[in-house]
Amino acid sequence: MTMAQAFFVTGTDTEIGKTTIAAGFLHAARQQGLTAAAVKPVAAGCERSAEGLRNDDALTLQAQCQPALDYDLINPVALEAAIAPHIAAAEAGISLTAAGLLAGCQPVLQQQ
């Protein structure tokens, strides 16, 4: 079994293109016939829908995943308040830890 490659896209501000770049990587991988998966471990500013809280960036990433992944795998911590994620989590009574965020990413990373 071959180990899957994983990439981490990060930035220091909002609206600087992290999702656009990540979606581009996923699209390019799909064009090469590769499996493409994404995780947005925490998203603040989610909107309520019939399916639950949804974030536009996570939905953009979900659309580029192949095979398709459930939204809850892509965005395990969805927060409604449109403020800094650590503050939104605290207001929602959710503790964000590195171990917890890694645990939220593991189901996707383990799918190869």
PDB file of N, CA and C in Angstrom:
ATOM      1  N   MET A   1       0.856  -1.185   0.000  1.00  0.00           N
ATOM      2  CA  MET A   1       0.000   0.000   0.000  1.00  0.00           C
ATOM      3  C   MET A   1       0.896   1.240   0.000  1.00  0.00           C
ATOM      4  N   THR A   2       0.580   2.172  -0.842  1.00  0.00           N
ATOM      5  CA  THR A   2       1.331   3.410  -0.947  1.00  0.00           C
ATOM      6  C   THR A   2       0.744   4.457  -0.013  1.00  0.00           C
ATOM      7  N   MET A   3       1.607   5.203   0.641  1.00  0.00           N
ATOM      8  CA  MET A   3       1.152   6.270   1.526  1.00  0.00           C
ATOM      9  C   MET A   3       0.716   7.468   0.682  1.00  0.00           C
ATOM     10  N   ALA A   4      -0.418   8.013   0.981  1.00  0.00           N
ATOM     11  CA  ALA A   4      -0.932   9.172   0.261  1.00  0.00           C
ATOM     12  C   ALA A   4      -0.120  10.410   0.623  1.00  0.00           C
ATOM     13  N   GLN A   5       0.030  11.300  -0.330  1.00  0.00           N
ATOM     14  CA  GLN A   5       0.665  12.575  -0.050  1.00  0.00           C
ATOM     15  C   GLN A   5      -0.385  13.518   0.511  1.00  0.00           C
ATOM     16  N   ALA A   6       0.018  14.342   1.443  1.00  0.00           N
ATOM     17  CA  ALA A   6      -0.881  15.334   2.024  1.00  0.00           C
ATOM     18  C   ALA A   6      -0.196  16.690   1.979  1.00  0.00           C
ATOM     19  N   PHE A   7      -0.970  17.706   1.710  1.00  0.00           N
ATOM     20  CA  PHE A   7      -0.462  19.069   1.665  1.00  0.00           C
ATOM     21  C   PHE A   7      -1.275  19.925   2.620  1.00  0.00           C
ATOM     22  N   PHE A   8      -0.638  20.905   3.208  1.00  0.00           N
ATOM     23  CA  PHE A   8      -1.287  21.804   4.158  1.00  0.00           C
ATOM     24  C   PHE A   8      -1.240  23.205   3.571  1.00  0.00           C
ATOM     25  N   VAL A   9      -2.390  23.796   3.337  1.00  0.00           N
ATOM     26  CA  VAL A   9      -2.472  25.158   2.797  1.00  0.00           C
ATOM     27  C   VAL A   9      -2.885  26.067   3.940  1.00  0.00           C
ATOM     28  N   THR A  10      -2.087  27.078   4.191  1.00  0.00           N
ATOM     29  CA  THR A  10      -2.388  28.000   5.286  1.00  0.00           C
ATOM     30  C   THR A  10      -2.097  29.430   4.858  1.00  0.00           C
ATOM     31  N   GLY A  11      -2.623  30.357   5.598  1.00  0.00           N
ATOM     32  CA  GLY A  11      -2.400  31.771   5.350  1.00  0.00           C
ATOM     33  C   GLY A  11      -2.653  32.537   6.630  1.00  0.00           C
ATOM     34  N   THR A  12      -2.284  33.790   6.628  1.00  0.00           N
ATOM     35  CA  THR A  12      -2.358  34.574   7.860  1.00  0.00           C
ATOM     36  C   THR A  12      -3.542  35.515   7.928  1.00  0.00           C
ATOM     37  N   ASP A  13      -4.453  35.425   6.990  1.00  0.00           N
ATOM     38  CA  ASP A  13      -5.588  36.339   6.998  1.00  0.00           C
ATOM     39  C   ASP A  13      -6.757  35.685   6.271  1.00  0.00           C
ATOM     40  N   THR A  14      -7.912  36.319   6.334  1.00  0.00           N
ATOM     41  CA  THR A  14      -9.072  35.825   5.594  1.00  0.00           C
ATOM     42  C   THR A  14      -9.072  36.428   4.195  1.00  0.00           C
ATOM     43  N   GLU A  15      -9.766  35.754   3.295  1.00  0.00           N
ATOM     44  CA  GLU A  15      -9.947  36.241   1.923  1.00  0.00           C
ATOM     45  C   GLU A  15      -8.621  36.494   1.187  1.00  0.00           C
ATOM     46  N   ILE A  16      -7.620  35.613   1.397  1.00  0.00           N
ATOM     47  CA  ILE A  16      -6.356  35.782   0.680  1.00  0.00           C
ATOM     48  C   ILE A  16      -6.111  34.676  -0.340  1.00  0.00           C
ATOM     49  N   GLY A  17      -7.054  33.744  -0.474  1.00  0.00           N
ATOM     50  CA  GLY A  17      -6.953  32.753  -1.525  1.00  0.00           C
ATOM     51  C   GLY A  17      -6.643  31.330  -1.103  1.00  0.00           C
ATOM     52  N   LYS A  18      -6.673  31.029   0.189  1.00  0.00           N
ATOM     53  CA  LYS A  18      -6.365  29.669   0.646  1.00  0.00           C
ATOM     54  C   LYS A  18      -7.291  28.646  -0.007  1.00  0.00           C
ATOM     55  N   THR A  19      -8.572  28.927  -0.010  1.00  0.00           N
ATOM     56  CA  THR A  19      -9.536  27.985  -0.571  1.00  0.00           C
ATOM     57  C   THR A  19      -9.365  27.877  -2.082  1.00  0.00           C
ATOM     58  N   THR A  20      -9.127  28.980  -2.754  1.00  0.00           N
ATOM     59  CA  THR A  20      -8.927  28.965  -4.205  1.00  0.00           C
ATOM     60  C   THR A  20      -7.715  28.122  -4.568  1.00  0.00           C
ATOM     61  N   ILE A  21      -6.620  28.295  -3.849  1.00  0.00           N
ATOM     62  CA  ILE A  21      -5.404  27.521  -4.119  1.00  0.00           C
ATOM     63  C   ILE A  21      -5.644  26.043  -3.816  1.00  0.00           C
ATOM     64  N   ALA A  22      -6.255  25.746  -2.682  1.00  0.00           N
ATOM     65  CA  ALA A  22      -6.519  24.355  -2.311  1.00  0.00           C
ATOM     66  C   ALA A  22      -7.444  23.690  -3.326  1.00  0.00           C
ATOM     67  N   ALA A  23      -8.489  24.397  -3.744  1.00  0.00           N
ATOM     68  CA  ALA A  23      -9.413  23.844  -4.742  1.00  0.00           C
ATOM     69  C   ALA A  23      -8.684  23.612  -6.066  1.00  0.00           C
ATOM     70  N   GLY A  24      -7.756  24.495  -6.405  1.00  0.00           N
ATOM     71  CA  GLY A  24      -6.951  24.315  -7.614  1.00  0.00           C
ATOM     72  C   GLY A  24      -6.078  23.073  -7.531  1.00  0.00           C
ATOM     73  N   PHE A  25      -5.458  22.843  -6.373  1.00  0.00           N
ATOM     74  CA  PHE A  25      -4.661  21.625  -6.171  1.00  0.00           C
ATOM     75  C   PHE A  25      -5.531  20.382  -6.328  1.00  0.00           C
ATOM     76  N   LEU A  26      -6.717  20.410  -5.717  1.00  0.00           N
ATOM     77  CA  LEU A  26      -7.624  19.263  -5.801  1.00  0.00           C
ATOM     78  C   LEU A  26      -8.048  19.013  -7.246  1.00  0.00           C
ATOM     79  N   HIS A  27      -8.382  20.080  -7.949  1.00  0.00           N
ATOM     80  CA  HIS A  27      -8.797  19.966  -9.343  1.00  0.00           C
ATOM     81  C   HIS A  27      -7.662  19.372 -10.189  1.00  0.00           C
ATOM     82  N   ALA A  28      -6.441  19.879  -9.984  1.00  0.00           N
ATOM     83  CA  ALA A  28      -5.291  19.375 -10.743  1.00  0.00           C
ATOM     84  C   ALA A  28      -5.057  17.895 -10.451  1.00  0.00           C
ATOM     85  N   ALA A  29      -5.200  17.499  -9.197  1.00  0.00           N
ATOM     86  CA  ALA A  29      -5.030  16.086  -8.836  1.00  0.00           C
ATOM     87  C   ALA A  29      -6.072  15.234  -9.551  1.00  0.00           C
ATOM     88  N   ARG A  30      -7.307  15.689  -9.544  1.00  0.00           N
ATOM     89  CA  ARG A  30      -8.382  14.944 -10.217  1.00  0.00           C
ATOM     90  C   ARG A  30      -8.103  14.816 -11.710  1.00  0.00           C
ATOM     91  N   GLN A  31      -7.572  15.877 -12.312  1.00  0.00           N
ATOM     92  CA  GLN A  31      -7.265  15.850 -13.742  1.00  0.00           C
ATOM     93  C   GLN A  31      -6.174  14.827 -14.067  1.00  0.00           C
ATOM     94  N   GLN A  32      -5.350  14.513 -13.079  1.00  0.00           N
ATOM     95  CA  GLN A  32      -4.293  13.512 -13.236  1.00  0.00           C
ATOM     96  C   GLN A  32      -4.776  12.113 -12.870  1.00  0.00           C
ATOM     97  N   GLY A  33      -6.066  11.981 -12.550  1.00  0.00           N
ATOM     98  CA  GLY A  33      -6.624  10.691 -12.195  1.00  0.00           C
ATOM     99  C   GLY A  33      -6.344  10.272 -10.763  1.00  0.00           C
ATOM    100  N   LEU A  34      -5.941  11.221  -9.933  1.00  0.00           N
ATOM    101  CA  LEU A  34      -5.626  10.926  -8.539  1.00  0.00           C
ATOM    102  C   LEU A  34      -6.835  11.129  -7.640  1.00  0.00           C
ATOM    103  N   THR A  35      -6.810  10.492  -6.496  1.00  0.00           N
ATOM    104  CA  THR A  35      -7.804  10.739  -5.461  1.00  0.00           C
ATOM    105  C   THR A  35      -7.531  12.135  -4.909  1.00  0.00           C
ATOM    106  N   ALA A  36      -8.578  12.885  -4.639  1.00  0.00           N
ATOM    107  CA  ALA A  36      -8.425  14.242  -4.115  1.00  0.00           C
ATOM    108  C   ALA A  36      -9.384  14.431  -2.951  1.00  0.00           C
ATOM    109  N   ALA A  37      -8.839  14.799  -1.801  1.00  0.00           N
ATOM    110  CA  ALA A  37      -9.664  14.993  -0.610  1.00  0.00           C
ATOM    111  C   ALA A  37      -9.194  16.234   0.127  1.00  0.00           C
ATOM    112  N   ALA A  38     -10.095  16.850   0.862  1.00  0.00           N
ATOM    113  CA  ALA A  38      -9.765  18.067   1.603  1.00  0.00           C
ATOM    114  C   ALA A  38     -10.422  18.033   2.970  1.00  0.00           C
ATOM    115  N   VAL A  39      -9.806  18.763   3.889  1.00  0.00           N
ATOM    116  CA  VAL A  39     -10.382  18.951   5.215  1.00  0.00           C
ATOM    117  C   VAL A  39     -10.230  20.420   5.579  1.00  0.00           C
ATOM    118  N   LYS A  40     -11.308  21.018   6.016  1.00  0.00           N
ATOM    119  CA  LYS A  40     -11.272  22.350   6.622  1.00  0.00           C
ATOM    120  C   LYS A  40     -11.672  22.095   8.066  1.00  0.00           C
ATOM    121  N   PRO A  41     -10.681  21.864   8.937  1.00  0.00           N
ATOM    122  CA  PRO A  41     -10.969  21.377  10.288  1.00  0.00           C
ATOM    123  C   PRO A  41     -11.919  22.264  11.093  1.00  0.00           C
ATOM    124  N   VAL A  42     -11.795  23.580  10.919  1.00  0.00           N
ATOM    125  CA  VAL A  42     -12.648  24.521  11.652  1.00  0.00           C
ATOM    126  C   VAL A  42     -13.113  25.598  10.679  1.00  0.00           C
ATOM    127  N   ALA A  43     -14.394  25.890  10.703  1.00  0.00           N
ATOM    128  CA  ALA A  43     -14.923  26.973   9.883  1.00  0.00           C
ATOM    129  C   ALA A  43     -15.885  27.805  10.730  1.00  0.00           C
ATOM    130  N   ALA A  44     -15.614  29.082  10.803  1.00  0.00           N
ATOM    131  CA  ALA A  44     -16.524  30.013  11.476  1.00  0.00           C
ATOM    132  C   ALA A  44     -17.297  30.768  10.395  1.00  0.00           C
ATOM    133  N   GLY A  45     -18.426  31.308  10.780  1.00  0.00           N
ATOM    134  CA  GLY A  45     -19.258  32.030   9.817  1.00  0.00           C
ATOM    135  C   GLY A  45     -20.080  31.098   8.960  1.00  0.00           C
ATOM    136  N   CYS A  46     -20.433  29.953   9.497  1.00  0.00           N
ATOM    137  CA  CYS A  46     -21.252  28.989   8.762  1.00  0.00           C
ATOM    138  C   CYS A  46     -22.712  29.441   8.769  1.00  0.00           C
ATOM    139  N   GLU A  47     -23.418  29.077   7.720  1.00  0.00           N
ATOM    140  CA  GLU A  47     -24.837  29.409   7.607  1.00  0.00           C
ATOM    141  C   GLU A  47     -25.677  28.179   7.880  1.00  0.00           C
ATOM    142  N   ARG A  48     -26.816  28.401   8.520  1.00  0.00           N
ATOM    143  CA  ARG A  48     -27.738  27.293   8.791  1.00  0.00           C
ATOM    144  C   ARG A  48     -28.426  26.873   7.500  1.00  0.00           C
ATOM    145  N   SER A  49     -28.537  25.565   7.324  1.00  0.00           N
ATOM    146  CA  SER A  49     -29.251  25.017   6.178  1.00  0.00           C
ATOM    147  C   SER A  49     -30.044  23.814   6.672  1.00  0.00           C
ATOM    148  N   ALA A  50     -30.819  23.208   5.787  1.00  0.00           N
ATOM    149  CA  ALA A  50     -31.588  22.022   6.156  1.00  0.00           C
ATOM    150  C   ALA A  50     -30.660  20.878   6.571  1.00  0.00           C
ATOM    151  N   GLU A  51     -29.426  20.879   6.046  1.00  0.00           N
ATOM    152  CA  GLU A  51     -28.461  19.830   6.359  1.00  0.00           C
ATOM    153  C   GLU A  51     -27.633  20.140   7.605  1.00  0.00           C
ATOM    154  N   GLY A  52     -27.731  21.353   8.125  1.00  0.00           N
ATOM    155  CA  GLY A  52     -26.931  21.776   9.275  1.00  0.00           C
ATOM    156  C   GLY A  52     -26.100  22.990   8.914  1.00  0.00           C
ATOM    157  N   LEU A  53     -25.119  23.314   9.742  1.00  0.00           N
ATOM    158  CA  LEU A  53     -24.255  24.455   9.472  1.00  0.00           C
ATOM    159  C   LEU A  53     -23.356  24.146   8.277  1.00  0.00           C
ATOM    160  N   ARG A  54     -23.254  25.118   7.359  1.00  0.00           N
ATOM    161  CA  ARG A  54     -22.451  24.939   6.159  1.00  0.00           C
ATOM    162  C   ARG A  54     -21.610  26.189   5.916  1.00  0.00           C
ATOM    163  N   ASN A  55     -20.379  25.956   5.460  1.00  0.00           N
ATOM    164  CA  ASN A  55     -19.430  27.019   5.172  1.00  0.00           C
ATOM    165  C   ASN A  55     -19.126  27.019   3.680  1.00  0.00           C
ATOM    166  N   ASP A  56     -19.140  28.188   3.049  1.00  0.00           N
ATOM    167  CA  ASP A  56     -18.913  28.280   1.608  1.00  0.00           C
ATOM    168  C   ASP A  56     -17.558  27.704   1.194  1.00  0.00           C
ATOM    169  N   ASP A  57     -16.505  27.975   1.976  1.00  0.00           N
ATOM    170  CA  ASP A  57     -15.187  27.449   1.630  1.00  0.00           C
ATOM    171  C   ASP A  57     -15.180  25.927   1.685  1.00  0.00           C
ATOM    172  N   ALA A  58     -15.772  25.360   2.723  1.00  0.00           N
ATOM    173  CA  ALA A  58     -15.815  23.900   2.847  1.00  0.00           C
ATOM    174  C   ALA A  58     -16.634  23.291   1.711  1.00  0.00           C
ATOM    175  N   LEU A  59     -17.708  23.952   1.302  1.00  0.00           N
ATOM    176  CA  LEU A  59     -18.510  23.462   0.177  1.00  0.00           C
ATOM    177  C   LEU A  59     -17.712  23.508  -1.130  1.00  0.00           C
ATOM    178  N   THR A  60     -16.899  24.549  -1.296  1.00  0.00           N
ATOM    179  CA  THR A  60     -16.040  24.653  -2.476  1.00  0.00           C
ATOM    180  C   THR A  60     -15.053  23.497  -2.511  1.00  0.00           C
ATOM    181  N   LEU A  61     -14.445  23.200  -1.376  1.00  0.00           N
ATOM    182  CA  LEU A  61     -13.508  22.083  -1.300  1.00  0.00           C
ATOM    183  C   LEU A  61     -14.225  20.757  -1.531  1.00  0.00           C
ATOM    184  N   GLN A  62     -15.395  20.610  -0.944  1.00  0.00           N
ATOM    185  CA  GLN A  62     -16.164  19.375  -1.104  1.00  0.00           C
ATOM    186  C   GLN A  62     -16.443  19.091  -2.583  1.00  0.00           C
ATOM    187  N   ALA A  63     -16.743  20.139  -3.335  1.00  0.00           N
ATOM    188  CA  ALA A  63     -17.059  19.971  -4.753  1.00  0.00           C
ATOM    189  C   ALA A  63     -15.874  19.453  -5.557  1.00  0.00           C
ATOM    190  N   GLN A  64     -14.659  19.607  -5.044  1.00  0.00           N
ATOM    191  CA  GLN A  64     -13.462  19.168  -5.755  1.00  0.00           C
ATOM    192  C   GLN A  64     -12.946  17.805  -5.288  1.00  0.00           C
ATOM    193  N   CYS A  65     -13.588  17.217  -4.301  1.00  0.00           N
ATOM    194  CA  CYS A  65     -13.134  15.927  -3.772  1.00  0.00           C
ATOM    195  C   CYS A  65     -13.565  14.785  -4.685  1.00  0.00           C
ATOM    196  N   GLN A  66     -12.661  13.838  -4.878  1.00  0.00           N
ATOM    197  CA  GLN A  66     -12.959  12.650  -5.667  1.00  0.00           C
ATOM    198  C   GLN A  66     -12.241  11.474  -5.045  1.00  0.00           C
ATOM    199  N   PRO A  67     -12.930  10.509  -4.496  1.00  0.00           N
ATOM    200  CA  PRO A  67     -14.376  10.345  -4.497  1.00  0.00           C
ATOM    201  C   PRO A  67     -15.053  11.363  -3.580  1.00  0.00           C
ATOM    202  N   ALA A  68     -16.354  11.501  -3.739  1.00  0.00           N
ATOM    203  CA  ALA A  68     -17.120  12.462  -2.949  1.00  0.00           C
ATOM    204  C   ALA A  68     -17.020  12.129  -1.461  1.00  0.00           C
ATOM    205  N   LEU A  69     -16.961  13.171  -0.648  1.00  0.00           N
ATOM    206  CA  LEU A  69     -16.911  13.013   0.804  1.00  0.00           C
ATOM    207  C   LEU A  69     -18.093  13.719   1.447  1.00  0.00           C
ATOM    208  N   ASP A  70     -18.586  13.171   2.545  1.00  0.00           N
ATOM    209  CA  ASP A  70     -19.644  13.824   3.309  1.00  0.00           C
ATOM    210  C   ASP A  70     -19.127  15.141   3.871  1.00  0.00           C
ATOM    211  N   TYR A  71     -20.007  16.121   3.956  1.00  0.00           N
ATOM    212  CA  TYR A  71     -19.625  17.442   4.455  1.00  0.00           C
ATOM    213  C   TYR A  71     -18.997  17.351   5.840  1.00  0.00           C
ATOM    214  N   ASP A  72     -19.564  16.539   6.722  1.00  0.00           N
ATOM    215  CA  ASP A  72     -19.064  16.463   8.096  1.00  0.00           C
ATOM    216  C   ASP A  72     -17.631  15.939   8.174  1.00  0.00           C
ATOM    217  N   LEU A  73     -17.184  15.191   7.192  1.00  0.00           N
ATOM    218  CA  LEU A  73     -15.785  14.762   7.147  1.00  0.00           C
ATOM    219  C   LEU A  73     -14.881  15.926   6.751  1.00  0.00           C
ATOM    220  N   ILE A  74     -15.357  16.749   5.838  1.00  0.00           N
ATOM    221  CA  ILE A  74     -14.559  17.865   5.343  1.00  0.00           C
ATOM    222  C   ILE A  74     -14.480  18.984   6.372  1.00  0.00           C
ATOM    223  N   ASN A  75     -15.576  19.240   7.061  1.00  0.00           N
ATOM    224  CA  ASN A  75     -15.621  20.335   8.040  1.00  0.00           C
ATOM    225  C   ASN A  75     -16.167  19.821   9.370  1.00  0.00           C
ATOM    226  N   PRO A  76     -15.304  19.152  10.170  1.00  0.00           N
ATOM    227  CA  PRO A  76     -15.781  18.550  11.419  1.00  0.00           C
ATOM    228  C   PRO A  76     -16.212  19.558  12.490  1.00  0.00           C
ATOM    229  N   VAL A  77     -15.664  20.765  12.468  1.00  0.00           N
ATOM    230  CA  VAL A  77     -16.070  21.779  13.444  1.00  0.00           C
ATOM    231  C   VAL A  77     -16.622  22.979  12.679  1.00  0.00           C
ATOM    232  N   ALA A  78     -17.945  23.070  12.642  1.00  0.00           N
ATOM    233  CA  ALA A  78     -18.638  24.158  11.950  1.00  0.00           C
ATOM    234  C   ALA A  78     -19.237  25.086  13.002  1.00  0.00           C
ATOM    235  N   LEU A  79     -18.897  26.360  12.910  1.00  0.00           N
ATOM    236  CA  LEU A  79     -19.326  27.352  13.898  1.00  0.00           C
ATOM    237  C   LEU A  79     -20.127  28.453  13.213  1.00  0.00           C
ATOM    238  N   GLU A  80     -21.221  28.847  13.833  1.00  0.00           N
ATOM    239  CA  GLU A  80     -22.097  29.832  13.206  1.00  0.00           C
ATOM    240  C   GLU A  80     -21.555  31.259  13.277  1.00  0.00           C
ATOM    241  N   ALA A  81     -21.006  31.650  14.396  1.00  0.00           N
ATOM    242  CA  ALA A  81     -20.548  33.033  14.568  1.00  0.00           C
ATOM    243  C   ALA A  81     -19.456  33.371  13.552  1.00  0.00           C
ATOM    244  N   ALA A  82     -19.621  34.506  12.882  1.00  0.00           N
ATOM    245  CA  ALA A  82     -18.653  34.952  11.873  1.00  0.00           C
ATOM    246  C   ALA A  82     -17.564  35.789  12.530  1.00  0.00           C
ATOM    247  N   ILE A  83     -16.822  35.136  13.420  1.00  0.00           N
ATOM    248  CA  ILE A  83     -15.719  35.783  14.133  1.00  0.00           C
ATOM    249  C   ILE A  83     -14.539  34.816  14.138  1.00  0.00           C
ATOM    250  N   ALA A  84     -13.435  35.227  14.710  1.00  0.00           N
ATOM    251  CA  ALA A  84     -12.259  34.359  14.763  1.00  0.00           C
ATOM    252  C   ALA A  84     -12.665  32.980  15.288  1.00  0.00           C
ATOM    253  N   PRO A  85     -12.213  31.920  14.625  1.00  0.00           N
ATOM    254  CA  PRO A  85     -12.649  30.575  15.002  1.00  0.00           C
ATOM    255  C   PRO A  85     -12.439  30.221  16.467  1.00  0.00           C
ATOM    256  N   HIS A  86     -11.317  30.620  17.046  1.00  0.00           N
ATOM    257  CA  HIS A  86     -11.098  30.268  18.455  1.00  0.00           C
ATOM    258  C   HIS A  86     -12.093  30.979  19.371  1.00  0.00           C
ATOM    259  N   ILE A  87     -12.519  32.171  18.995  1.00  0.00           N
ATOM    260  CA  ILE A  87     -13.517  32.895  19.785  1.00  0.00           C
ATOM    261  C   ILE A  87     -14.901  32.289  19.551  1.00  0.00           C
ATOM    262  N   ALA A  88     -15.224  31.989  18.297  1.00  0.00           N
ATOM    263  CA  ALA A  88     -16.516  31.361  17.981  1.00  0.00           C
ATOM    264  C   ALA A  88     -16.646  30.021  18.693  1.00  0.00           C
ATOM    265  N   ALA A  89     -15.565  29.254  18.733  1.00  0.00           N
ATOM    266  CA  ALA A  89     -15.587  27.960  19.423  1.00  0.00           C
ATOM    267  C   ALA A  89     -15.813  28.151  20.917  1.00  0.00           C
ATOM    268  N   ALA A  90     -15.115  29.096  21.510  1.00  0.00           N
ATOM    269  CA  ALA A  90     -15.284  29.349  22.943  1.00  0.00           C
ATOM    270  C   ALA A  90     -16.723  29.757  23.246  1.00  0.00           C
ATOM    271  N   GLU A  91     -17.295  30.623  22.413  1.00  0.00           N
ATOM    272  CA  GLU A  91     -18.682  31.050  22.610  1.00  0.00           C
ATOM    273  C   GLU A  91     -19.656  29.886  22.459  1.00  0.00           C
ATOM    274  N   ALA A  92     -19.293  28.897  21.625  1.00  0.00           N
ATOM    275  CA  ALA A  92     -20.155  27.728  21.408  1.00  0.00           C
ATOM    276  C   ALA A  92     -19.875  26.616  22.420  1.00  0.00           C
ATOM    277  N   GLY A  93     -18.923  26.865  23.332  1.00  0.00           N
ATOM    278  CA  GLY A  93     -18.586  25.864  24.338  1.00  0.00           C
ATOM    279  C   GLY A  93     -17.753  24.718  23.800  1.00  0.00           C
ATOM    280  N   ILE A  94     -17.022  24.972  22.723  1.00  0.00           N
ATOM    281  CA  ILE A  94     -16.186  23.950  22.102  1.00  0.00           C
ATOM    282  C   ILE A  94     -14.728  24.272  22.372  1.00  0.00           C
ATOM    283  N   SER A  95     -13.992  23.279  22.834  1.00  0.00           N
ATOM    284  CA  SER A  95     -12.568  23.440  23.090  1.00  0.00           C
ATOM    285  C   SER A  95     -11.785  23.004  21.861  1.00  0.00           C
ATOM    286  N   LEU A  96     -11.001  23.918  21.313  1.00  0.00           N
ATOM    287  CA  LEU A  96     -10.164  23.588  20.164  1.00  0.00           C
ATOM    288  C   LEU A  96      -8.762  23.242  20.656  1.00  0.00           C
ATOM    289  N   THR A  97      -8.310  22.047  20.331  1.00  0.00           N
ATOM    290  CA  THR A  97      -6.949  21.629  20.663  1.00  0.00           C
ATOM    291  C   THR A  97      -6.312  21.045  19.410  1.00  0.00           C
ATOM    292  N   ALA A  98      -4.988  21.050  19.372  1.00  0.00           N
ATOM    293  CA  ALA A  98      -4.297  20.458  18.227  1.00  0.00           C
ATOM    294  C   ALA A  98      -4.671  18.985  18.086  1.00  0.00           C
ATOM    295  N   ALA A  99      -4.719  18.272  19.196  1.00  0.00           N
ATOM    296  CA  ALA A  99      -5.076  16.849  19.155  1.00  0.00           C
ATOM    297  C   ALA A  99      -6.499  16.659  18.642  1.00  0.00           C
ATOM    298  N   GLY A 100      -7.411  17.512  19.058  1.00  0.00           N
ATOM    299  CA  GLY A 100      -8.796  17.409  18.604  1.00  0.00           C
ATOM    300  C   GLY A 100      -8.936  17.713  17.123  1.00  0.00           C
ATOM    301  N   LEU A 101      -8.192  18.710  16.657  1.00  0.00           N
ATOM    302  CA  LEU A 101      -8.250  19.060  15.237  1.00  0.00           C
ATOM    303  C   LEU A 101      -7.640  17.945  14.388  1.00  0.00           C
ATOM    304  N   LEU A 102      -6.541  17.359  14.861  1.00  0.00           N
ATOM    305  CA  LEU A 102      -5.936  16.240  14.147  1.00  0.00           C
ATOM    306  C   LEU A 102      -6.904  15.057  14.086  1.00  0.00           C
ATOM    307  N   ALA A 103      -7.570  14.794  15.201  1.00  0.00           N
ATOM    308  CA  ALA A 103      -8.546  13.697  15.231  1.00  0.00           C
ATOM    309  C   ALA A 103      -9.667  13.940  14.221  1.00  0.00           C
ATOM    310  N   GLY A 104     -10.047  15.196  14.021  1.00  0.00           N
ATOM    311  CA  GLY A 104     -11.077  15.521  13.038  1.00  0.00           C
ATOM    312  C   GLY A 104     -10.605  15.316  11.611  1.00  0.00           C
ATOM    313  N   CYS A 105      -9.300  15.428  11.373  1.00  0.00           N
ATOM    314  CA  CYS A 105      -8.735  15.246  10.032  1.00  0.00           C
ATOM    315  C   CYS A 105      -8.453  13.778   9.709  1.00  0.00           C
ATOM    316  N   GLN A 106      -8.209  12.971  10.725  1.00  0.00           N
ATOM    317  CA  GLN A 106      -7.786  11.588  10.523  1.00  0.00           C
ATOM    318  C   GLN A 106      -8.717  10.755   9.640  1.00  0.00           C
ATOM    319  N   PRO A 107     -10.035  10.853   9.787  1.00  0.00           N
ATOM    320  CA  PRO A 107     -10.888  10.012   8.942  1.00  0.00           C
ATOM    321  C   PRO A 107     -10.667  10.231   7.443  1.00  0.00           C
ATOM    322  N   VAL A 108     -10.382  11.449   7.039  1.00  0.00           N
ATOM    323  CA  VAL A 108     -10.119  11.715   5.629  1.00  0.00           C
ATOM    324  C   VAL A 108      -8.714  11.258   5.254  1.00  0.00           C
ATOM    325  N   LEU A 109      -7.737  11.553   6.093  1.00  0.00           N
ATOM    326  CA  LEU A 109      -6.356  11.170   5.801  1.00  0.00           C
ATOM    327  C   LEU A 109      -6.197   9.659   5.721  1.00  0.00           C
ATOM    328  N   GLN A 110      -6.961   8.920   6.497  1.00  0.00           N
ATOM    329  CA  GLN A 110      -6.857   7.467   6.517  1.00  0.00           C
ATOM    330  C   GLN A 110      -7.526   6.796   5.317  1.00  0.00           C
ATOM    331  N   GLN A 111      -8.303   7.537   4.561  1.00  0.00           N
ATOM    332  CA  GLN A 111      -8.993   6.942   3.411  1.00  0.00           C
ATOM    333  C   GLN A 111      -8.075   6.723   2.216  1.00  0.00           C
ATOM    334  N   GLN A 112      -6.869   7.244   2.266  1.00  0.00           N
ATOM    335  CA  GLN A 112      -5.905   7.091   1.160  1.00  0.00           C
ATOM    336  C   GLN A 112      -6.458   7.702  -0.115  1.00  0.00           C
TER     337      GLN A 112
END
